[in-house]
Amino acid sequence: MRQFKPLHLSEVVFFTRDGQIRLKDIQPYYVLGAICRHCKSISELDRRALERRYGRDTTAINLEKRLRCRSCQNARGNTIMVINQWPR
């Protein structure tokens, strides 16, 4: 199994003029994940499902408010991150 270091979105994607990162700004070869602030578990997010449900123009900050950890059920302070990058 390949080890990876999670990256914060600000290290991968340039901020837009208003300081927000939208789903459409993130290249499709990046795999999105979320890290729980409480138990530090990392899980992969289904990007297509997020785009269908909330739209491509939704910001990462708005999605972070809706995240809930599957391990400990924590809903506060969770962060969206890039957990891996598919080979080109």
PDB file of N, CA and C in Angstrom:
ATOM      1  N   MET A   1       0.831  -1.170   0.000  1.00  0.00           N
ATOM      2  CA  MET A   1       0.000   0.000   0.000  1.00  0.00           C
ATOM      3  C   MET A   1       0.883   1.243   0.000  1.00  0.00           C
ATOM      4  N   ARG A   2       0.558   2.199  -0.815  1.00  0.00           N
ATOM      5  CA  ARG A   2       1.345   3.410  -0.945  1.00  0.00           C
ATOM      6  C   ARG A   2       0.960   4.409   0.141  1.00  0.00           C
ATOM      7  N   GLN A   3       1.965   4.949   0.816  1.00  0.00           N
ATOM      8  CA  GLN A   3       1.737   5.959   1.842  1.00  0.00           C
ATOM      9  C   GLN A   3       1.612   7.319   1.181  1.00  0.00           C
ATOM     10  N   PHE A   4       0.832   8.181   1.749  1.00  0.00           N
ATOM     11  CA  PHE A   4       0.695   9.532   1.225  1.00  0.00           C
ATOM     12  C   PHE A   4       0.550  10.515   2.368  1.00  0.00           C
ATOM     13  N   LYS A   5       0.959  11.725   2.111  1.00  0.00           N
ATOM     14  CA  LYS A   5       0.819  12.798   3.088  1.00  0.00           C
ATOM     15  C   LYS A   5      -0.337  13.677   2.639  1.00  0.00           C
ATOM     16  N   PRO A   6      -1.371  13.844   3.461  1.00  0.00           N
ATOM     17  CA  PRO A   6      -2.481  14.712   3.068  1.00  0.00           C
ATOM     18  C   PRO A   6      -2.014  16.146   2.853  1.00  0.00           C
ATOM     19  N   LEU A   7      -2.552  16.773   1.848  1.00  0.00           N
ATOM     20  CA  LEU A   7      -2.251  18.159   1.533  1.00  0.00           C
ATOM     21  C   LEU A   7      -3.494  19.004   1.743  1.00  0.00           C
ATOM     22  N   HIS A   8      -3.310  20.206   2.184  1.00  0.00           N
ATOM     23  CA  HIS A   8      -4.444  21.113   2.301  1.00  0.00           C
ATOM     24  C   HIS A   8      -4.743  21.689   0.924  1.00  0.00           C
ATOM     25  N   LEU A   9      -5.978  22.000   0.666  1.00  0.00           N
ATOM     26  CA  LEU A   9      -6.368  22.493  -0.654  1.00  0.00           C
ATOM     27  C   LEU A   9      -5.612  23.750  -1.054  1.00  0.00           C
ATOM     28  N   SER A  10      -5.255  24.588  -0.095  1.00  0.00           N
ATOM     29  CA  SER A  10      -4.554  25.830  -0.439  1.00  0.00           C
ATOM     30  C   SER A  10      -3.172  25.559  -1.009  1.00  0.00           C
ATOM     31  N   GLU A  11      -2.601  24.369  -0.759  1.00  0.00           N
ATOM     32  CA  GLU A  11      -1.307  24.010  -1.326  1.00  0.00           C
ATOM     33  C   GLU A  11      -1.437  23.486  -2.749  1.00  0.00           C
ATOM     34  N   VAL A  12      -2.644  23.139  -3.165  1.00  0.00           N
ATOM     35  CA  VAL A  12      -2.870  22.497  -4.449  1.00  0.00           C
ATOM     36  C   VAL A  12      -3.574  23.410  -5.437  1.00  0.00           C
ATOM     37  N   VAL A  13      -4.510  24.209  -4.958  1.00  0.00           N
ATOM     38  CA  VAL A  13      -5.374  25.015  -5.811  1.00  0.00           C
ATOM     39  C   VAL A  13      -5.166  26.491  -5.496  1.00  0.00           C
ATOM     40  N   PHE A  14      -5.102  27.305  -6.540  1.00  0.00           N
ATOM     41  CA  PHE A  14      -5.016  28.743  -6.337  1.00  0.00           C
ATOM     42  C   PHE A  14      -6.366  29.268  -5.872  1.00  0.00           C
ATOM     43  N   PHE A  15      -6.338  30.180  -4.926  1.00  0.00           N
ATOM     44  CA  PHE A  15      -7.573  30.810  -4.474  1.00  0.00           C
ATOM     45  C   PHE A  15      -8.126  31.708  -5.574  1.00  0.00           C
ATOM     46  N   THR A  16      -9.430  31.834  -5.627  1.00  0.00           N
ATOM     47  CA  THR A  16     -10.067  32.745  -6.567  1.00  0.00           C
ATOM     48  C   THR A  16     -10.042  34.159  -5.984  1.00  0.00           C
ATOM     49  N   ARG A  17     -10.559  35.115  -6.722  1.00  0.00           N
ATOM     50  CA  ARG A  17     -10.523  36.513  -6.277  1.00  0.00           C
ATOM     51  C   ARG A  17     -11.215  36.732  -4.942  1.00  0.00           C
ATOM     52  N   ASP A  18     -12.287  36.008  -4.716  1.00  0.00           N
ATOM     53  CA  ASP A  18     -13.021  36.194  -3.461  1.00  0.00           C
ATOM     54  C   ASP A  18     -12.463  35.345  -2.319  1.00  0.00           C
ATOM     55  N   GLY A  19     -11.375  34.616  -2.569  1.00  0.00           N
ATOM     56  CA  GLY A  19     -10.740  33.830  -1.521  1.00  0.00           C
ATOM     57  C   GLY A  19     -11.361  32.474  -1.291  1.00  0.00           C
ATOM     58  N   GLN A  20     -12.243  32.052  -2.167  1.00  0.00           N
ATOM     59  CA  GLN A  20     -12.933  30.775  -2.021  1.00  0.00           C
ATOM     60  C   GLN A  20     -12.417  29.760  -3.039  1.00  0.00           C
ATOM     61  N   ILE A  21     -12.387  28.496  -2.669  1.00  0.00           N
ATOM     62  CA  ILE A  21     -12.044  27.420  -3.588  1.00  0.00           C
ATOM     63  C   ILE A  21     -13.334  26.677  -3.910  1.00  0.00           C
ATOM     64  N   ARG A  22     -13.655  26.577  -5.191  1.00  0.00           N
ATOM     65  CA  ARG A  22     -14.864  25.882  -5.629  1.00  0.00           C
ATOM     66  C   ARG A  22     -14.487  24.501  -6.160  1.00  0.00           C
ATOM     67  N   LEU A  23     -15.474  23.615  -6.235  1.00  0.00           N
ATOM     68  CA  LEU A  23     -15.206  22.279  -6.768  1.00  0.00           C
ATOM     69  C   LEU A  23     -14.701  22.335  -8.203  1.00  0.00           C
ATOM     70  N   LYS A  24     -15.212  23.287  -8.989  1.00  0.00           N
ATOM     71  CA  LYS A  24     -14.798  23.373 -10.386  1.00  0.00           C
ATOM     72  C   LYS A  24     -13.361  23.873 -10.529  1.00  0.00           C
ATOM     73  N   ASP A  25     -12.794  24.491  -9.488  1.00  0.00           N
ATOM     74  CA  ASP A  25     -11.418  24.971  -9.532  1.00  0.00           C
ATOM     75  C   ASP A  25     -10.391  23.871  -9.290  1.00  0.00           C
ATOM     76  N   ILE A  26     -10.826  22.742  -8.764  1.00  0.00           N
ATOM     77  CA  ILE A  26      -9.928  21.635  -8.432  1.00  0.00           C
ATOM     78  C   ILE A  26      -9.844  20.696  -9.630  1.00  0.00           C
ATOM     79  N   GLN A  27      -8.638  20.409 -10.072  1.00  0.00           N
ATOM     80  CA  GLN A  27      -8.439  19.557 -11.239  1.00  0.00           C
ATOM     81  C   GLN A  27      -9.025  18.166 -10.993  1.00  0.00           C
ATOM     82  N   PRO A  28      -9.543  17.511 -12.047  1.00  0.00           N
ATOM     83  CA  PRO A  28     -10.226  16.217 -11.856  1.00  0.00           C
ATOM     84  C   PRO A  28      -9.310  15.083 -11.421  1.00  0.00           C
ATOM     85  N   TYR A  29      -8.003  15.213 -11.593  1.00  0.00           N
ATOM     86  CA  TYR A  29      -7.113  14.116 -11.199  1.00  0.00           C
ATOM     87  C   TYR A  29      -6.748  14.147  -9.717  1.00  0.00           C
ATOM     88  N   TYR A  30      -7.231  15.124  -8.976  1.00  0.00           N
ATOM     89  CA  TYR A  30      -7.029  15.138  -7.535  1.00  0.00           C
ATOM     90  C   TYR A  30      -8.150  14.364  -6.858  1.00  0.00           C
ATOM     91  N   VAL A  31      -7.796  13.569  -5.863  1.00  0.00           N
ATOM     92  CA  VAL A  31      -8.763  12.824  -5.072  1.00  0.00           C
ATOM     93  C   VAL A  31      -9.014  13.615  -3.801  1.00  0.00           C
ATOM     94  N   LEU A  32     -10.273  13.911  -3.544  1.00  0.00           N
ATOM     95  CA  LEU A  32     -10.613  14.698  -2.362  1.00  0.00           C
ATOM     96  C   LEU A  32     -10.899  13.797  -1.172  1.00  0.00           C
ATOM     97  N   GLY A  33     -10.513  14.270  -0.027  1.00  0.00           N
ATOM     98  CA  GLY A  33     -10.770  13.549   1.201  1.00  0.00           C
ATOM     99  C   GLY A  33     -11.133  14.522   2.293  1.00  0.00           C
ATOM    100  N   ALA A  34     -11.436  13.983   3.439  1.00  0.00           N
ATOM    101  CA  ALA A  34     -11.763  14.808   4.594  1.00  0.00           C
ATOM    102  C   ALA A  34     -11.052  14.240   5.803  1.00  0.00           C
ATOM    103  N   ILE A  35     -10.619  15.138   6.677  1.00  0.00           N
ATOM    104  CA  ILE A  35      -9.969  14.720   7.919  1.00  0.00           C
ATOM    105  C   ILE A  35     -10.791  15.235   9.088  1.00  0.00           C
ATOM    106  N   CYS A  36     -11.013  14.363  10.040  1.00  0.00           N
ATOM    107  CA  CYS A  36     -11.794  14.713  11.228  1.00  0.00           C
ATOM    108  C   CYS A  36     -10.896  15.419  12.235  1.00  0.00           C
ATOM    109  N   ARG A  37     -11.379  16.496  12.767  1.00  0.00           N
ATOM    110  CA  ARG A  37     -10.609  17.260  13.744  1.00  0.00           C
ATOM    111  C   ARG A  37     -10.502  16.520  15.072  1.00  0.00           C
ATOM    112  N   HIS A  38     -11.505  15.735  15.381  1.00  0.00           N
ATOM    113  CA  HIS A  38     -11.557  15.072  16.688  1.00  0.00           C
ATOM    114  C   HIS A  38     -10.736  13.773  16.724  1.00  0.00           C
ATOM    115  N   CYS A  39     -11.021  12.841  15.819  1.00  0.00           N
ATOM    116  CA  CYS A  39     -10.365  11.530  15.862  1.00  0.00           C
ATOM    117  C   CYS A  39      -9.261  11.363  14.817  1.00  0.00           C
ATOM    118  N   LYS A  40      -9.056  12.362  13.965  1.00  0.00           N
ATOM    119  CA  LYS A  40      -8.000  12.392  12.945  1.00  0.00           C
ATOM    120  C   LYS A  40      -8.152  11.312  11.870  1.00  0.00           C
ATOM    121  N   SER A  41      -9.337  10.761  11.699  1.00  0.00           N
ATOM    122  CA  SER A  41      -9.539   9.779  10.632  1.00  0.00           C
ATOM    123  C   SER A  41      -9.643  10.500   9.289  1.00  0.00           C
ATOM    124  N   ILE A  42      -9.126   9.851   8.250  1.00  0.00           N
ATOM    125  CA  ILE A  42      -9.130  10.411   6.904  1.00  0.00           C
ATOM    126  C   ILE A  42      -9.964   9.497   6.021  1.00  0.00           C
ATOM    127  N   SER A  43     -10.894  10.075   5.264  1.00  0.00           N
ATOM    128  CA  SER A  43     -11.706   9.272   4.350  1.00  0.00           C
ATOM    129  C   SER A  43     -11.862   9.996   3.023  1.00  0.00           C
ATOM    130  N   GLU A  44     -12.077   9.213   1.976  1.00  0.00           N
ATOM    131  CA  GLU A  44     -12.218   9.751   0.627  1.00  0.00           C
ATOM    132  C   GLU A  44     -13.645  10.261   0.418  1.00  0.00           C
ATOM    133  N   LEU A  45     -13.757  11.372  -0.310  1.00  0.00           N
ATOM    134  CA  LEU A  45     -15.057  11.940  -0.643  1.00  0.00           C
ATOM    135  C   LEU A  45     -15.417  11.586  -2.079  1.00  0.00           C
ATOM    136  N   ASP A  46     -16.691  11.315  -2.329  1.00  0.00           N
ATOM    137  CA  ASP A  46     -17.163  11.040  -3.675  1.00  0.00           C
ATOM    138  C   ASP A  46     -17.417  12.377  -4.374  1.00  0.00           C
ATOM    139  N   ARG A  47     -16.477  12.767  -5.191  1.00  0.00           N
ATOM    140  CA  ARG A  47     -16.517  14.085  -5.816  1.00  0.00           C
ATOM    141  C   ARG A  47     -17.720  14.251  -6.747  1.00  0.00           C
ATOM    142  N   ARG A  48     -18.026  13.233  -7.523  1.00  0.00           N
ATOM    143  CA  ARG A  48     -19.167  13.325  -8.448  1.00  0.00           C
ATOM    144  C   ARG A  48     -20.482  13.492  -7.706  1.00  0.00           C
ATOM    145  N   ALA A  49     -20.625  12.770  -6.604  1.00  0.00           N
ATOM    146  CA  ALA A  49     -21.855  12.890  -5.812  1.00  0.00           C
ATOM    147  C   ALA A  49     -21.969  14.289  -5.207  1.00  0.00           C
ATOM    148  N   LEU A  50     -20.852  14.847  -4.751  1.00  0.00           N
ATOM    149  CA  LEU A  50     -20.874  16.205  -4.214  1.00  0.00           C
ATOM    150  C   LEU A  50     -21.258  17.215  -5.282  1.00  0.00           C
ATOM    151  N   GLU A  51     -20.720  17.046  -6.498  1.00  0.00           N
ATOM    152  CA  GLU A  51     -21.044  17.966  -7.592  1.00  0.00           C
ATOM    153  C   GLU A  51     -22.506  17.857  -7.999  1.00  0.00           C
ATOM    154  N   ARG A  52     -23.036  16.644  -8.016  1.00  0.00           N
ATOM    155  CA  ARG A  52     -24.456  16.471  -8.361  1.00  0.00           C
ATOM    156  C   ARG A  52     -25.358  17.082  -7.301  1.00  0.00           C
ATOM    157  N   ARG A  53     -25.010  16.875  -6.047  1.00  0.00           N
ATOM    158  CA  ARG A  53     -25.891  17.326  -4.969  1.00  0.00           C
ATOM    159  C   ARG A  53     -25.809  18.830  -4.716  1.00  0.00           C
ATOM    160  N   TYR A  54     -24.595  19.379  -4.706  1.00  0.00           N
ATOM    161  CA  TYR A  54     -24.417  20.781  -4.327  1.00  0.00           C
ATOM    162  C   TYR A  54     -24.007  21.689  -5.481  1.00  0.00           C
ATOM    163  N   GLY A  55     -23.654  21.125  -6.634  1.00  0.00           N
ATOM    164  CA  GLY A  55     -23.253  21.923  -7.787  1.00  0.00           C
ATOM    165  C   GLY A  55     -21.754  22.157  -7.820  1.00  0.00           C
ATOM    166  N   ARG A  56     -21.240  22.427  -9.009  1.00  0.00           N
ATOM    167  CA  ARG A  56     -19.802  22.630  -9.179  1.00  0.00           C
ATOM    168  C   ARG A  56     -19.345  23.980  -8.632  1.00  0.00           C
ATOM    169  N   ASP A  57     -20.286  24.909  -8.427  1.00  0.00           N
ATOM    170  CA  ASP A  57     -19.925  26.234  -7.943  1.00  0.00           C
ATOM    171  C   ASP A  57     -19.908  26.339  -6.422  1.00  0.00           C
ATOM    172  N   THR A  58     -20.199  25.263  -5.721  1.00  0.00           N
ATOM    173  CA  THR A  58     -20.175  25.321  -4.261  1.00  0.00           C
ATOM    174  C   THR A  58     -18.734  25.415  -3.772  1.00  0.00           C
ATOM    175  N   THR A  59     -18.543  26.107  -2.678  1.00  0.00           N
ATOM    176  CA  THR A  59     -17.200  26.313  -2.150  1.00  0.00           C
ATOM    177  C   THR A  59     -16.818  25.218  -1.166  1.00  0.00           C
ATOM    178  N   ALA A  60     -15.526  25.040  -0.998  1.00  0.00           N
ATOM    179  CA  ALA A  60     -15.027  24.043  -0.053  1.00  0.00           C
ATOM    180  C   ALA A  60     -15.449  24.391   1.375  1.00  0.00           C
ATOM    181  N   ILE A  61     -15.520  25.671   1.682  1.00  0.00           N
ATOM    182  CA  ILE A  61     -15.930  26.090   3.033  1.00  0.00           C
ATOM    183  C   ILE A  61     -17.375  25.675   3.310  1.00  0.00           C
ATOM    184  N   ASN A  62     -18.259  25.814   2.324  1.00  0.00           N
ATOM    185  CA  ASN A  62     -19.651  25.387   2.510  1.00  0.00           C
ATOM    186  C   ASN A  62     -19.752  23.878   2.690  1.00  0.00           C
ATOM    187  N   LEU A  63     -18.917  23.125   1.980  1.00  0.00           N
ATOM    188  CA  LEU A  63     -18.941  21.670   2.130  1.00  0.00           C
ATOM    189  C   LEU A  63     -18.397  21.241   3.487  1.00  0.00           C
ATOM    190  N   GLU A  64     -17.375  21.943   3.974  1.00  0.00           N
ATOM    191  CA  GLU A  64     -16.798  21.588   5.272  1.00  0.00           C
ATOM    192  C   GLU A  64     -17.823  21.702   6.391  1.00  0.00           C
ATOM    193  N   LYS A  65     -18.737  22.642   6.272  1.00  0.00           N
ATOM    194  CA  LYS A  65     -19.776  22.810   7.291  1.00  0.00           C
ATOM    195  C   LYS A  65     -20.738  21.628   7.325  1.00  0.00           C
ATOM    196  N   ARG A  66     -20.847  20.892   6.223  1.00  0.00           N
ATOM    197  CA  ARG A  66     -21.792  19.781   6.121  1.00  0.00           C
ATOM    198  C   ARG A  66     -21.172  18.419   6.421  1.00  0.00           C
ATOM    199  N   LEU A  67     -19.869  18.363   6.612  1.00  0.00           N
ATOM    200  CA  LEU A  67     -19.193  17.087   6.830  1.00  0.00           C
ATOM    201  C   LEU A  67     -19.488  16.525   8.211  1.00  0.00           C
ATOM    202  N   ARG A  68     -19.617  15.204   8.273  1.00  0.00           N
ATOM    203  CA  ARG A  68     -19.779  14.494   9.541  1.00  0.00           C
ATOM    204  C   ARG A  68     -18.901  13.246   9.477  1.00  0.00           C
ATOM    205  N   CYS A  69     -18.098  13.039  10.501  1.00  0.00           N
ATOM    206  CA  CYS A  69     -17.188  11.897  10.556  1.00  0.00           C
ATOM    207  C   CYS A  69     -17.988  10.608  10.718  1.00  0.00           C
ATOM    208  N   ARG A  70     -17.618   9.581   9.956  1.00  0.00           N
ATOM    209  CA  ARG A  70     -18.306   8.298  10.060  1.00  0.00           C
ATOM    210  C   ARG A  70     -17.831   7.494  11.262  1.00  0.00           C
ATOM    211  N   SER A  71     -16.644   7.801  11.764  1.00  0.00           N
ATOM    212  CA  SER A  71     -16.104   7.061  12.904  1.00  0.00           C
ATOM    213  C   SER A  71     -16.667   7.542  14.232  1.00  0.00           C
ATOM    214  N   CYS A  72     -16.567   8.854  14.471  1.00  0.00           N
ATOM    215  CA  CYS A  72     -16.958   9.386  15.784  1.00  0.00           C
ATOM    216  C   CYS A  72     -18.175  10.315  15.736  1.00  0.00           C
ATOM    217  N   GLN A  73     -18.754  10.524  14.555  1.00  0.00           N
ATOM    218  CA  GLN A  73     -19.938  11.368  14.348  1.00  0.00           C
ATOM    219  C   GLN A  73     -19.691  12.847  14.628  1.00  0.00           C
ATOM    220  N   ASN A  74     -18.432  13.278  14.660  1.00  0.00           N
ATOM    221  CA  ASN A  74     -18.102  14.688  14.870  1.00  0.00           C
ATOM    222  C   ASN A  74     -18.520  15.495  13.648  1.00  0.00           C
ATOM    223  N   ALA A  75     -19.131  16.659  13.868  1.00  0.00           N
ATOM    224  CA  ALA A  75     -19.568  17.513  12.764  1.00  0.00           C
ATOM    225  C   ALA A  75     -18.941  18.897  12.821  1.00  0.00           C
ATOM    226  N   ARG A  76     -17.971  19.123  13.693  1.00  0.00           N
ATOM    227  CA  ARG A  76     -17.358  20.442  13.835  1.00  0.00           C
ATOM    228  C   ARG A  76     -15.869  20.388  13.505  1.00  0.00           C
ATOM    229  N   GLY A  77     -15.444  21.352  12.706  1.00  0.00           N
ATOM    230  CA  GLY A  77     -14.015  21.511  12.433  1.00  0.00           C
ATOM    231  C   GLY A  77     -13.423  20.533  11.456  1.00  0.00           C
ATOM    232  N   ASN A  78     -14.218  19.769  10.734  1.00  0.00           N
ATOM    233  CA  ASN A  78     -13.691  18.842   9.743  1.00  0.00           C
ATOM    234  C   ASN A  78     -13.194  19.614   8.520  1.00  0.00           C
ATOM    235  N   THR A  79     -12.162  19.100   7.865  1.00  0.00           N
ATOM    236  CA  THR A  79     -11.497  19.820   6.791  1.00  0.00           C
ATOM    237  C   THR A  79     -11.433  18.976   5.530  1.00  0.00           C
ATOM    238  N   ILE A  80     -11.688  19.601   4.382  1.00  0.00           N
ATOM    239  CA  ILE A  80     -11.521  18.937   3.092  1.00  0.00           C
ATOM    240  C   ILE A  80     -10.065  19.086   2.670  1.00  0.00           C
ATOM    241  N   MET A  81      -9.480  17.961   2.221  1.00  0.00           N
ATOM    242  CA  MET A  81      -8.081  17.959   1.826  1.00  0.00           C
ATOM    243  C   MET A  81      -7.909  17.137   0.555  1.00  0.00           C
ATOM    244  N   VAL A  82      -6.754  17.270  -0.059  1.00  0.00           N
ATOM    245  CA  VAL A  82      -6.375  16.397  -1.163  1.00  0.00           C
ATOM    246  C   VAL A  82      -5.597  15.257  -0.553  1.00  0.00           C
ATOM    247  N   ILE A  83      -6.107  14.016  -0.700  1.00  0.00           N
ATOM    248  CA  ILE A  83      -5.437  12.894  -0.044  1.00  0.00           C
ATOM    249  C   ILE A  83      -4.559  12.106  -1.010  1.00  0.00           C
ATOM    250  N   ASN A  84      -4.716  12.308  -2.294  1.00  0.00           N
ATOM    251  CA  ASN A  84      -3.912  11.568  -3.258  1.00  0.00           C
ATOM    252  C   ASN A  84      -4.080  12.228  -4.618  1.00  0.00           C
ATOM    253  N   GLN A  85      -3.235  11.857  -5.535  1.00  0.00           N
ATOM    254  CA  GLN A  85      -3.323  12.366  -6.904  1.00  0.00           C
ATOM    255  C   GLN A  85      -3.179  11.173  -7.839  1.00  0.00           C
ATOM    256  N   TRP A  86      -4.140  11.012  -8.736  1.00  0.00           N
ATOM    257  CA  TRP A  86      -4.077   9.920  -9.692  1.00  0.00           C
ATOM    258  C   TRP A  86      -2.912  10.134 -10.637  1.00  0.00           C
ATOM    259  N   PRO A  87      -2.263   9.063 -11.088  1.00  0.00           N
ATOM    260  CA  PRO A  87      -1.157   9.239 -12.047  1.00  0.00           C
ATOM    261  C   PRO A  87      -1.668   9.775 -13.361  1.00  0.00           C
ATOM    262  N   ARG A  88      -0.886  10.630 -13.976  1.00  0.00           N
ATOM    263  CA  ARG A  88      -1.289  11.226 -15.246  1.00  0.00           C
ATOM    264  C   ARG A  88      -0.953  10.340 -16.405  1.00  0.00           C
TER     265      ARG A  88
END
